[in-house]
Every structure is written in C-alpha cells, then in structure tokens.
Amino acid sequence: MNSMTEQQFRDQAAAIVKDRPAKVWLVRSAGHRLDFLWGVGVSRTAEPERLGRHGRHYLVGQDVPEELKPQLVALFDDFCQSDEVQQAESTVRPLRFVPAR
C-alpha cells in the first residue's frame, strides 16, 4: 500500500524548495476549471510551468531550479500513485450530456 496524503506531499515539497526563490503548487481539475489545493514558496513573476500531470492533478512551478525538478516530479509521481489519490480518481464520474429535444 502506498499512502501519501496531500499534507505529506506539501510538507515534503516545502522541504525540497526550502528558502529557494521558487514557487510550486498543486491543482486539481474540476470540469473546466482548476482548483488550487496548496502552494509552497514565494510568489514569482515568471511564467508558470507545468512540471507534471497525472489524471486530474497538476504540479505547477515558477522559477524552479533545474536540479529540483526531478525531485519534485518524483515526489508528485509518488503522491499520484498513493491510495488516497487512486481512490479519489476512481470515484470521479464523467459528465454525461443529454440531447435536447
């Protein structure tokens, strides 16, 4: 069993970023919008960059140093393979459109 909660993921990401001038956040798609789940680091003016995507979850960063990206992506992958995320993904129902008469 692989278990990593959203809070554990955030705490570990914060430990990786530490006091570096970078911003990392986790978002989840909900229909046609993205819901902000958490962020670590200081806000930056750089263009956001998608670091990873698994199902409905995205890991986004600004000014993330190249040497930190593999660590953050590996942590994101572990989180997305966790039982908590897998269970949440399996409960999502796709939209069903009913034709108008």
C-alpha atoms as a PDB file:
ATOM      1  CA  MET A   1       0.000   0.000   0.000  1.00  0.00           C
ATOM      2  CA  ASN A   2       1.292   3.393  -0.961  1.00  0.00           C
ATOM      3  CA  SER A   3      -0.001   6.134   1.248  1.00  0.00           C
ATOM      4  CA  MET A   4       0.859   9.790   0.979  1.00  0.00           C
ATOM      5  CA  THR A   5      -1.648  12.398   1.987  1.00  0.00           C
ATOM      6  CA  GLU A   6      -1.944  15.779   0.352  1.00  0.00           C
ATOM      7  CA  GLN A   7      -0.458  17.362   3.503  1.00  0.00           C
ATOM      8  CA  GLN A   8       2.519  14.977   3.475  1.00  0.00           C
ATOM      9  CA  PHE A   9       3.131  15.827  -0.180  1.00  0.00           C
ATOM     10  CA  ARG A  10       3.009  19.543   0.628  1.00  0.00           C
ATOM     11  CA  ASP A  11       5.389  19.165   3.581  1.00  0.00           C
ATOM     12  CA  GLN A  12       7.905  17.176   1.529  1.00  0.00           C
ATOM     13  CA  ALA A  13       7.706  19.637  -1.379  1.00  0.00           C
ATOM     14  CA  ALA A  14       8.306  22.510   1.059  1.00  0.00           C
ATOM     15  CA  ALA A  15      11.394  20.691   2.378  1.00  0.00           C
ATOM     16  CA  ILE A  16      12.737  20.393  -1.181  1.00  0.00           C
ATOM     17  CA  VAL A  17      12.064  24.037  -2.107  1.00  0.00           C
ATOM     18  CA  LYS A  18      13.190  25.347   1.314  1.00  0.00           C
ATOM     19  CA  ASP A  19      14.236  29.000   1.059  1.00  0.00           C
ATOM     20  CA  ARG A  20      14.941  29.000  -2.676  1.00  0.00           C
ATOM     21  CA  PRO A  21      13.299  31.701  -4.789  1.00  0.00           C
ATOM     22  CA  ALA A  22      10.775  29.315  -6.355  1.00  0.00           C
ATOM     23  CA  LYS A  23       7.044  28.699  -6.159  1.00  0.00           C
ATOM     24  CA  VAL A  24       5.363  25.284  -6.505  1.00  0.00           C
ATOM     25  CA  TRP A  25       1.683  24.474  -6.241  1.00  0.00           C
ATOM     26  CA  LEU A  26      -0.716  21.584  -6.686  1.00  0.00           C
ATOM     27  CA  VAL A  27      -4.004  21.973  -8.530  1.00  0.00           C
ATOM     28  CA  ARG A  28      -6.791  19.582  -9.463  1.00  0.00           C
ATOM     29  CA  SER A  29      -9.069  19.903 -12.460  1.00  0.00           C
ATOM     30  CA  ALA A  30     -12.775  20.028 -11.774  1.00  0.00           C
ATOM     31  CA  GLY A  31     -14.652  20.190 -15.023  1.00  0.00           C
ATOM     32  CA  HIS A  32     -13.271  23.159 -16.945  1.00  0.00           C
ATOM     33  CA  ARG A  33     -11.610  24.864 -14.001  1.00  0.00           C
ATOM     34  CA  LEU A  34      -8.554  24.223 -11.853  1.00  0.00           C
ATOM     35  CA  ASP A  35      -8.917  24.137  -8.070  1.00  0.00           C
ATOM     36  CA  PHE A  36      -5.898  25.352  -6.106  1.00  0.00           C
ATOM     37  CA  LEU A  37      -5.006  22.791  -3.403  1.00  0.00           C
ATOM     38  CA  TRP A  38      -1.784  24.190  -1.898  1.00  0.00           C
ATOM     39  CA  GLY A  39       1.354  26.144  -2.692  1.00  0.00           C
ATOM     40  CA  VAL A  40       4.846  26.452  -1.241  1.00  0.00           C
ATOM     41  CA  GLY A  41       7.497  29.063  -1.816  1.00  0.00           C
ATOM     42  CA  VAL A  42       7.421  32.746  -2.609  1.00  0.00           C
ATOM     43  CA  SER A  43       5.264  34.174  -5.399  1.00  0.00           C
ATOM     44  CA  ARG A  44       7.270  34.834  -8.554  1.00  0.00           C
ATOM     45  CA  THR A  45       6.751  36.955 -11.648  1.00  0.00           C
ATOM     46  CA  ALA A  46       7.932  34.224 -14.055  1.00  0.00           C
ATOM     47  CA  GLU A  47       5.501  32.402 -16.317  1.00  0.00           C
ATOM     48  CA  PRO A  48       4.075  29.255 -14.635  1.00  0.00           C
ATOM     49  CA  GLU A  49       5.401  25.935 -15.930  1.00  0.00           C
ATOM     50  CA  ARG A  50       3.615  22.594 -15.736  1.00  0.00           C
ATOM     51  CA  LEU A  51       6.033  20.190 -14.074  1.00  0.00           C
ATOM     52  CA  GLY A  52       3.753  17.163 -14.082  1.00  0.00           C
ATOM     53  CA  ARG A  53       0.266  15.843 -14.687  1.00  0.00           C
ATOM     54  CA  HIS A  54      -1.486  12.673 -13.541  1.00  0.00           C
ATOM     55  CA  GLY A  55      -5.191  12.348 -14.181  1.00  0.00           C
ATOM     56  CA  ARG A  56      -6.845  15.368 -12.615  1.00  0.00           C
ATOM     57  CA  HIS A  57      -3.751  16.588 -10.700  1.00  0.00           C
ATOM     58  CA  TYR A  58      -1.171  19.066 -11.960  1.00  0.00           C
ATOM     59  CA  LEU A  59       2.110  20.158 -10.392  1.00  0.00           C
ATOM     60  CA  VAL A  60       2.976  23.715 -11.437  1.00  0.00           C
ATOM     61  CA  GLY A  61       6.034  25.816 -10.701  1.00  0.00           C
ATOM     62  CA  GLN A  62       7.645  29.191 -11.227  1.00  0.00           C
ATOM     63  CA  ASP A  63      11.413  29.713 -11.275  1.00  0.00           C
ATOM     64  CA  VAL A  64      12.026  26.129 -10.123  1.00  0.00           C
ATOM     65  CA  PRO A  65      15.759  25.384 -10.488  1.00  0.00           C
ATOM     66  CA  GLU A  66      16.505  22.543 -12.925  1.00  0.00           C
ATOM     67  CA  GLU A  67      18.167  20.467 -10.187  1.00  0.00           C
ATOM     68  CA  LEU A  68      14.951  20.485  -8.093  1.00  0.00           C
ATOM     69  CA  LYS A  69      12.555  19.496 -10.873  1.00  0.00           C
ATOM     70  CA  PRO A  70      13.384  15.743 -10.892  1.00  0.00           C
ATOM     71  CA  GLN A  71      12.946  15.559  -7.102  1.00  0.00           C
ATOM     72  CA  LEU A  72       9.598  17.370  -7.195  1.00  0.00           C
ATOM     73  CA  VAL A  73       8.322  15.319 -10.143  1.00  0.00           C
ATOM     74  CA  ALA A  74       9.326  12.046  -8.427  1.00  0.00           C
ATOM     75  CA  LEU A  75       7.519  13.163  -5.275  1.00  0.00           C
ATOM     76  CA  PHE A  76       4.476  14.148  -7.357  1.00  0.00           C
ATOM     77  CA  ASP A  77       4.504  10.734  -9.042  1.00  0.00           C
ATOM     78  CA  ASP A  78       4.590   9.027  -5.622  1.00  0.00           C
ATOM     79  CA  PHE A  79       1.678  11.162  -4.440  1.00  0.00           C
ATOM     80  CA  CYS A  80      -0.367  10.398  -7.559  1.00  0.00           C
ATOM     81  CA  GLN A  81       0.206   6.660  -7.074  1.00  0.00           C
ATOM     82  CA  SER A  82      -0.945   6.842  -3.447  1.00  0.00           C
ATOM     83  CA  ASP A  83      -4.060   5.015  -2.358  1.00  0.00           C
ATOM     84  CA  GLU A  84      -5.744   8.296  -1.411  1.00  0.00           C
ATOM     85  CA  VAL A  85      -5.401   9.768  -4.911  1.00  0.00           C
ATOM     86  CA  GLN A  86      -6.202   6.489  -6.674  1.00  0.00           C
ATOM     87  CA  GLN A  87      -9.391   6.116  -4.676  1.00  0.00           C
ATOM     88  CA  ALA A  88     -10.429   9.718  -5.370  1.00  0.00           C
ATOM     89  CA  GLU A  89      -9.741   9.272  -9.100  1.00  0.00           C
ATOM     90  CA  SER A  90     -11.894   6.143  -9.262  1.00  0.00           C
ATOM     91  CA  THR A  91     -14.898   7.955  -7.774  1.00  0.00           C
ATOM     92  CA  VAL A  92     -14.952  10.701 -10.422  1.00  0.00           C
ATOM     93  CA  ARG A  93     -17.884  10.320 -12.754  1.00  0.00           C
ATOM     94  CA  PRO A  94     -17.606  11.667 -16.297  1.00  0.00           C
ATOM     95  CA  LEU A  95     -20.088  14.267 -17.490  1.00  0.00           C
ATOM     96  CA  ARG A  96     -22.982  12.896 -19.442  1.00  0.00           C
ATOM     97  CA  PHE A  97     -24.804  15.152 -21.849  1.00  0.00           C
ATOM     98  CA  VAL A  98     -28.451  14.562 -22.577  1.00  0.00           C
ATOM     99  CA  PRO A  99     -29.556  15.718 -26.028  1.00  0.00           C
ATOM    100  CA  ALA A 100     -32.192  18.451 -26.074  1.00  0.00           C
ATOM    101  CA  ARG A 101     -35.500  17.511 -27.647  1.00  0.00           C
END
